[in-house]
Amino acid sequence: MKGKVRGVKQAEAAKVLGVTQPRISDLVRGRIDLFSVDSLIDMLARLGIRVRLVVTTSKKRLRVA
């Protein structure tokens, strides 16, 4: 069924996530490059998903001259 993802209409998802329906369409099409990390994390938080970001150095470090 067009316009639905996992049984939820894009307009309904947009309302829950605090974005517009075209932005949901971008997400559905995999265009996450159009979103900031902050906005993606905010949408996850609105769904009750907690995000933890861990940054570490790799074992093989890049030499900078």
PDB file of N, CA and C in Angstrom:
ATOM      1  N   MET A   1       0.843  -1.177   0.000  1.00  0.00           N
ATOM      2  CA  MET A   1       0.000   0.000   0.000  1.00  0.00           C
ATOM      3  C   MET A   1       0.890   1.242   0.000  1.00  0.00           C
ATOM      4  N   LYS A   2       0.703   2.111  -0.945  1.00  0.00           N
ATOM      5  CA  LYS A   2       1.531   3.292  -1.098  1.00  0.00           C
ATOM      6  C   LYS A   2       1.296   4.270   0.051  1.00  0.00           C
ATOM      7  N   GLY A   3       2.395   4.889   0.529  1.00  0.00           N
ATOM      8  CA  GLY A   3       2.289   5.888   1.570  1.00  0.00           C
ATOM      9  C   GLY A   3       2.282   5.330   2.982  1.00  0.00           C
ATOM     10  N   LYS A   4       2.446   4.025   3.121  1.00  0.00           N
ATOM     11  CA  LYS A   4       2.458   3.420   4.449  1.00  0.00           C
ATOM     12  C   LYS A   4       3.757   2.671   4.676  1.00  0.00           C
ATOM     13  N   VAL A   5       4.264   2.755   5.873  1.00  0.00           N
ATOM     14  CA  VAL A   5       5.435   1.994   6.277  1.00  0.00           C
ATOM     15  C   VAL A   5       5.085   1.314   7.587  1.00  0.00           C
ATOM     16  N   ARG A   6       5.168  -0.018   7.592  1.00  0.00           N
ATOM     17  CA  ARG A   6       4.858  -0.802   8.793  1.00  0.00           C
ATOM     18  C   ARG A   6       3.492  -0.457   9.368  1.00  0.00           C
ATOM     19  N   GLY A   7       2.519  -0.265   8.508  1.00  0.00           N
ATOM     20  CA  GLY A   7       1.153  -0.036   8.958  1.00  0.00           C
ATOM     21  C   GLY A   7       0.853   1.375   9.412  1.00  0.00           C
ATOM     22  N   VAL A   8       1.810   2.287   9.301  1.00  0.00           N
ATOM     23  CA  VAL A   8       1.604   3.674   9.721  1.00  0.00           C
ATOM     24  C   VAL A   8       1.704   4.563   8.494  1.00  0.00           C
ATOM     25  N   LYS A   9       0.729   5.428   8.316  1.00  0.00           N
ATOM     26  CA  LYS A   9       0.778   6.363   7.192  1.00  0.00           C
ATOM     27  C   LYS A   9       1.872   7.393   7.433  1.00  0.00           C
ATOM     28  N   GLN A  10       2.467   7.857   6.342  1.00  0.00           N
ATOM     29  CA  GLN A  10       3.559   8.826   6.453  1.00  0.00           C
ATOM     30  C   GLN A  10       3.121  10.091   7.184  1.00  0.00           C
ATOM     31  N   ALA A  11       1.912  10.534   6.952  1.00  0.00           N
ATOM     32  CA  ALA A  11       1.406  11.742   7.622  1.00  0.00           C
ATOM     33  C   ALA A  11       1.321  11.521   9.131  1.00  0.00           C
ATOM     34  N   GLU A  12       0.915  10.321   9.550  1.00  0.00           N
ATOM     35  CA  GLU A  12       0.844  10.005  10.981  1.00  0.00           C
ATOM     36  C   GLU A  12       2.241   9.966  11.588  1.00  0.00           C
ATOM     37  N   ALA A  13       3.170   9.347  10.882  1.00  0.00           N
ATOM     38  CA  ALA A  13       4.551   9.274  11.353  1.00  0.00           C
ATOM     39  C   ALA A  13       5.146  10.677  11.467  1.00  0.00           C
ATOM     40  N   ALA A  14       4.851  11.526  10.507  1.00  0.00           N
ATOM     41  CA  ALA A  14       5.362  12.895  10.517  1.00  0.00           C
ATOM     42  C   ALA A  14       4.879  13.637  11.760  1.00  0.00           C
ATOM     43  N   LYS A  15       3.623  13.443  12.102  1.00  0.00           N
ATOM     44  CA  LYS A  15       3.064  14.116  13.277  1.00  0.00           C
ATOM     45  C   LYS A  15       3.766  13.648  14.551  1.00  0.00           C
ATOM     46  N   VAL A  16       3.970  12.340  14.684  1.00  0.00           N
ATOM     47  CA  VAL A  16       4.634  11.783  15.862  1.00  0.00           C
ATOM     48  C   VAL A  16       6.083  12.259  15.948  1.00  0.00           C
ATOM     49  N   LEU A  17       6.760  12.300  14.811  1.00  0.00           N
ATOM     50  CA  LEU A  17       8.186  12.650  14.788  1.00  0.00           C
ATOM     51  C   LEU A  17       8.452  14.154  14.727  1.00  0.00           C
ATOM     52  N   GLY A  18       7.402  14.940  14.554  1.00  0.00           N
ATOM     53  CA  GLY A  18       7.565  16.387  14.528  1.00  0.00           C
ATOM     54  C   GLY A  18       8.219  16.916  13.274  1.00  0.00           C
ATOM     55  N   VAL A  19       7.978  16.230  12.154  1.00  0.00           N
ATOM     56  CA  VAL A  19       8.513  16.671  10.859  1.00  0.00           C
ATOM     57  C   VAL A  19       7.379  16.663   9.838  1.00  0.00           C
ATOM     58  N   THR A  20       7.682  17.072   8.624  1.00  0.00           N
ATOM     59  CA  THR A  20       6.668  17.073   7.570  1.00  0.00           C
ATOM     60  C   THR A  20       6.612  15.714   6.874  1.00  0.00           C
ATOM     61  N   GLN A  21       5.527  15.465   6.175  1.00  0.00           N
ATOM     62  CA  GLN A  21       5.386  14.207   5.439  1.00  0.00           C
ATOM     63  C   GLN A  21       6.475  14.043   4.384  1.00  0.00           C
ATOM     64  N   PRO A  22       6.848  15.107   3.654  1.00  0.00           N
ATOM     65  CA  PRO A  22       7.946  14.932   2.691  1.00  0.00           C
ATOM     66  C   PRO A  22       9.257  14.496   3.339  1.00  0.00           C
ATOM     67  N   ARG A  23       9.492  14.918   4.600  1.00  0.00           N
ATOM     68  CA  ARG A  23      10.704  14.488   5.298  1.00  0.00           C
ATOM     69  C   ARG A  23      10.638  12.998   5.609  1.00  0.00           C
ATOM     70  N   ILE A  24       9.445  12.496   5.946  1.00  0.00           N
ATOM     71  CA  ILE A  24       9.279  11.058   6.175  1.00  0.00           C
ATOM     72  C   ILE A  24       9.534  10.315   4.871  1.00  0.00           C
ATOM     73  N   SER A  25       9.062  10.861   3.792  1.00  0.00           N
ATOM     74  CA  SER A  25       9.298  10.254   2.488  1.00  0.00           C
ATOM     75  C   SER A  25      10.788  10.151   2.199  1.00  0.00           C
ATOM     76  N   ASP A  26      11.535  11.192   2.548  1.00  0.00           N
ATOM     77  CA  ASP A  26      12.993  11.157   2.378  1.00  0.00           C
ATOM     78  C   ASP A  26      13.598  10.008   3.178  1.00  0.00           C
ATOM     79  N   LEU A  27      13.138   9.839   4.422  1.00  0.00           N
ATOM     80  CA  LEU A  27      13.634   8.745   5.264  1.00  0.00           C
ATOM     81  C   LEU A  27      13.322   7.388   4.655  1.00  0.00           C
ATOM     82  N   VAL A  28      12.086   7.226   4.202  1.00  0.00           N
ATOM     83  CA  VAL A  28      11.655   5.949   3.624  1.00  0.00           C
ATOM     84  C   VAL A  28      12.497   5.604   2.396  1.00  0.00           C
ATOM     85  N   ARG A  29      12.889   6.624   1.647  1.00  0.00           N
ATOM     86  CA  ARG A  29      13.702   6.413   0.448  1.00  0.00           C
ATOM     87  C   ARG A  29      15.193   6.291   0.772  1.00  0.00           C
ATOM     88  N   GLY A  30      15.522   6.328   2.072  1.00  0.00           N
ATOM     89  CA  GLY A  30      16.916   6.143   2.470  1.00  0.00           C
ATOM     90  C   GLY A  30      17.791   7.366   2.307  1.00  0.00           C
ATOM     91  N   ARG A  31      17.201   8.535   2.199  1.00  0.00           N
ATOM     92  CA  ARG A  31      17.966   9.768   1.987  1.00  0.00           C
ATOM     93  C   ARG A  31      18.395  10.403   3.314  1.00  0.00           C
ATOM     94  N   ILE A  32      19.080   9.631   4.159  1.00  0.00           N
ATOM     95  CA  ILE A  32      19.469  10.162   5.466  1.00  0.00           C
ATOM     96  C   ILE A  32      20.538  11.242   5.350  1.00  0.00           C
ATOM     97  N   ASP A  33      21.166  11.346   4.177  1.00  0.00           N
ATOM     98  CA  ASP A  33      22.147  12.405   3.970  1.00  0.00           C
ATOM     99  C   ASP A  33      21.506  13.787   4.024  1.00  0.00           C
ATOM    100  N   LEU A  34      20.183  13.843   3.919  1.00  0.00           N
ATOM    101  CA  LEU A  34      19.464  15.111   3.969  1.00  0.00           C
ATOM    102  C   LEU A  34      19.156  15.549   5.398  1.00  0.00           C
ATOM    103  N   PHE A  35      19.523  14.725   6.382  1.00  0.00           N
ATOM    104  CA  PHE A  35      19.204  14.984   7.782  1.00  0.00           C
ATOM    105  C   PHE A  35      20.470  15.176   8.592  1.00  0.00           C
ATOM    106  N   SER A  36      20.394  16.046   9.589  1.00  0.00           N
ATOM    107  CA  SER A  36      21.512  16.179  10.524  1.00  0.00           C
ATOM    108  C   SER A  36      21.449  15.027  11.518  1.00  0.00           C
ATOM    109  N   VAL A  37      22.570  14.743  12.127  1.00  0.00           N
ATOM    110  CA  VAL A  37      22.612  13.705  13.164  1.00  0.00           C
ATOM    111  C   VAL A  37      21.657  14.090  14.290  1.00  0.00           C
ATOM    112  N   ASP A  38      21.631  15.369  14.644  1.00  0.00           N
ATOM    113  CA  ASP A  38      20.742  15.836  15.706  1.00  0.00           C
ATOM    114  C   ASP A  38      19.279  15.556  15.397  1.00  0.00           C
ATOM    115  N   SER A  39      18.859  15.812  14.164  1.00  0.00           N
ATOM    116  CA  SER A  39      17.453  15.594  13.824  1.00  0.00           C
ATOM    117  C   SER A  39      17.103  14.104  13.819  1.00  0.00           C
ATOM    118  N   LEU A  40      18.026  13.265  13.376  1.00  0.00           N
ATOM    119  CA  LEU A  40      17.777  11.817  13.402  1.00  0.00           C
ATOM    120  C   LEU A  40      17.671  11.305  14.837  1.00  0.00           C
ATOM    121  N   ILE A  41      18.568  11.777  15.706  1.00  0.00           N
ATOM    122  CA  ILE A  41      18.521  11.372  17.105  1.00  0.00           C
ATOM    123  C   ILE A  41      17.251  11.891  17.770  1.00  0.00           C
ATOM    124  N   ASP A  42      16.842  13.095  17.443  1.00  0.00           N
ATOM    125  CA  ASP A  42      15.610  13.655  17.999  1.00  0.00           C
ATOM    126  C   ASP A  42      14.401  12.806  17.606  1.00  0.00           C
ATOM    127  N   MET A  43      14.349  12.372  16.352  1.00  0.00           N
ATOM    128  CA  MET A  43      13.225  11.529  15.913  1.00  0.00           C
ATOM    129  C   MET A  43      13.229  10.192  16.642  1.00  0.00           C
ATOM    130  N   LEU A  44      14.411   9.610  16.842  1.00  0.00           N
ATOM    131  CA  LEU A  44      14.494   8.356  17.599  1.00  0.00           C
ATOM    132  C   LEU A  44      14.015   8.561  19.034  1.00  0.00           C
ATOM    133  N   ALA A  45      14.393   9.675  19.638  1.00  0.00           N
ATOM    134  CA  ALA A  45      13.971   9.975  21.012  1.00  0.00           C
ATOM    135  C   ALA A  45      12.451  10.103  21.094  1.00  0.00           C
ATOM    136  N   ARG A  46      11.836  10.698  20.083  1.00  0.00           N
ATOM    137  CA  ARG A  46      10.368  10.824  20.064  1.00  0.00           C
ATOM    138  C   ARG A  46       9.688   9.463  19.985  1.00  0.00           C
ATOM    139  N   LEU A  47      10.414   8.466  19.499  1.00  0.00           N
ATOM    140  CA  LEU A  47       9.887   7.101  19.432  1.00  0.00           C
ATOM    141  C   LEU A  47      10.232   6.296  20.688  1.00  0.00           C
ATOM    142  N   GLY A  48      10.904   6.954  21.631  1.00  0.00           N
ATOM    143  CA  GLY A  48      11.264   6.277  22.876  1.00  0.00           C
ATOM    144  C   GLY A  48      12.533   5.454  22.787  1.00  0.00           C
ATOM    145  N   ILE A  49      13.317   5.722  21.769  1.00  0.00           N
ATOM    146  CA  ILE A  49      14.575   4.993  21.585  1.00  0.00           C
ATOM    147  C   ILE A  49      15.716   5.862  22.099  1.00  0.00           C
ATOM    148  N   ARG A  50      16.473   5.317  23.029  1.00  0.00           N
ATOM    149  CA  ARG A  50      17.604   6.040  23.595  1.00  0.00           C
ATOM    150  C   ARG A  50      18.838   5.774  22.748  1.00  0.00           C
ATOM    151  N   VAL A  51      19.577   6.820  22.463  1.00  0.00           N
ATOM    152  CA  VAL A  51      20.775   6.704  21.629  1.00  0.00           C
ATOM    153  C   VAL A  51      21.992   7.028  22.473  1.00  0.00           C
ATOM    154  N   ARG A  52      23.010   6.178  22.341  1.00  0.00           N
ATOM    155  CA  ARG A  52      24.282   6.429  23.011  1.00  0.00           C
ATOM    156  C   ARG A  52      25.367   6.387  21.954  1.00  0.00           C
ATOM    157  N   LEU A  53      26.123   7.442  21.867  1.00  0.00           N
ATOM    158  CA  LEU A  53      27.190   7.543  20.885  1.00  0.00           C
ATOM    159  C   LEU A  53      28.522   7.324  21.584  1.00  0.00           C
ATOM    160  N   VAL A  54      29.295   6.379  21.088  1.00  0.00           N
ATOM    161  CA  VAL A  54      30.603   6.081  21.657  1.00  0.00           C
ATOM    162  C   VAL A  54      31.648   6.322  20.579  1.00  0.00           C
ATOM    163  N   VAL A  55      32.632   7.130  20.915  1.00  0.00           N
ATOM    164  CA  VAL A  55      33.703   7.445  19.976  1.00  0.00           C
ATOM    165  C   VAL A  55      35.007   6.909  20.542  1.00  0.00           C
ATOM    166  N   THR A  56      35.714   6.115  19.741  1.00  0.00           N
ATOM    167  CA  THR A  56      36.995   5.568  20.170  1.00  0.00           C
ATOM    168  C   THR A  56      38.005   5.730  19.037  1.00  0.00           C
ATOM    169  N   THR A  57      39.257   5.596  19.383  1.00  0.00           N
ATOM    170  CA  THR A  57      40.290   5.621  18.350  1.00  0.00           C
ATOM    171  C   THR A  57      40.452   4.211  17.798  1.00  0.00           C
ATOM    172  N   SER A  58      40.864   4.132  16.566  1.00  0.00           N
ATOM    173  CA  SER A  58      41.103   2.821  15.977  1.00  0.00           C
ATOM    174  C   SER A  58      42.464   2.314  16.437  1.00  0.00           C
ATOM    175  N   LYS A  59      42.688   1.009  16.311  1.00  0.00           N
ATOM    176  CA  LYS A  59      43.981   0.448  16.708  1.00  0.00           C
ATOM    177  C   LYS A  59      45.086   0.943  15.792  1.00  0.00           C
ATOM    178  N   LYS A  60      44.744   1.122  14.520  1.00  0.00           N
ATOM    179  CA  LYS A  60      45.714   1.631  13.549  1.00  0.00           C
ATOM    180  C   LYS A  60      45.447   3.125  13.397  1.00  0.00           C
ATOM    181  N   ARG A  61      46.317   3.926  13.963  1.00  0.00           N
ATOM    182  CA  ARG A  61      46.115   5.373  13.944  1.00  0.00           C
ATOM    183  C   ARG A  61      46.716   5.984  12.681  1.00  0.00           C
ATOM    184  N   LEU A  62      46.049   6.949  12.148  1.00  0.00           N
ATOM    185  CA  LEU A  62      46.486   7.674  10.958  1.00  0.00           C
ATOM    186  C   LEU A  62      47.567   8.674  11.363  1.00  0.00           C
ATOM    187  N   ARG A  63      48.671   8.672  10.654  1.00  0.00           N
ATOM    188  CA  ARG A  63      49.744   9.623  10.936  1.00  0.00           C
ATOM    189  C   ARG A  63      49.441  10.940  10.233  1.00  0.00           C
ATOM    190  N   VAL A  64      49.545  12.004  10.977  1.00  0.00           N
ATOM    191  CA  VAL A  64      49.313  13.338  10.426  1.00  0.00           C
ATOM    192  C   VAL A  64      50.635  14.106  10.488  1.00  0.00           C
ATOM    193  N   ALA A  65      51.079  14.601   9.340  1.00  0.00           N
ATOM    194  CA  ALA A  65      52.370  15.314   9.307  1.00  0.00           C
ATOM    195  C   ALA A  65      52.196  16.775   9.546  1.00  0.00           C
TER     196      ALA A  65
END
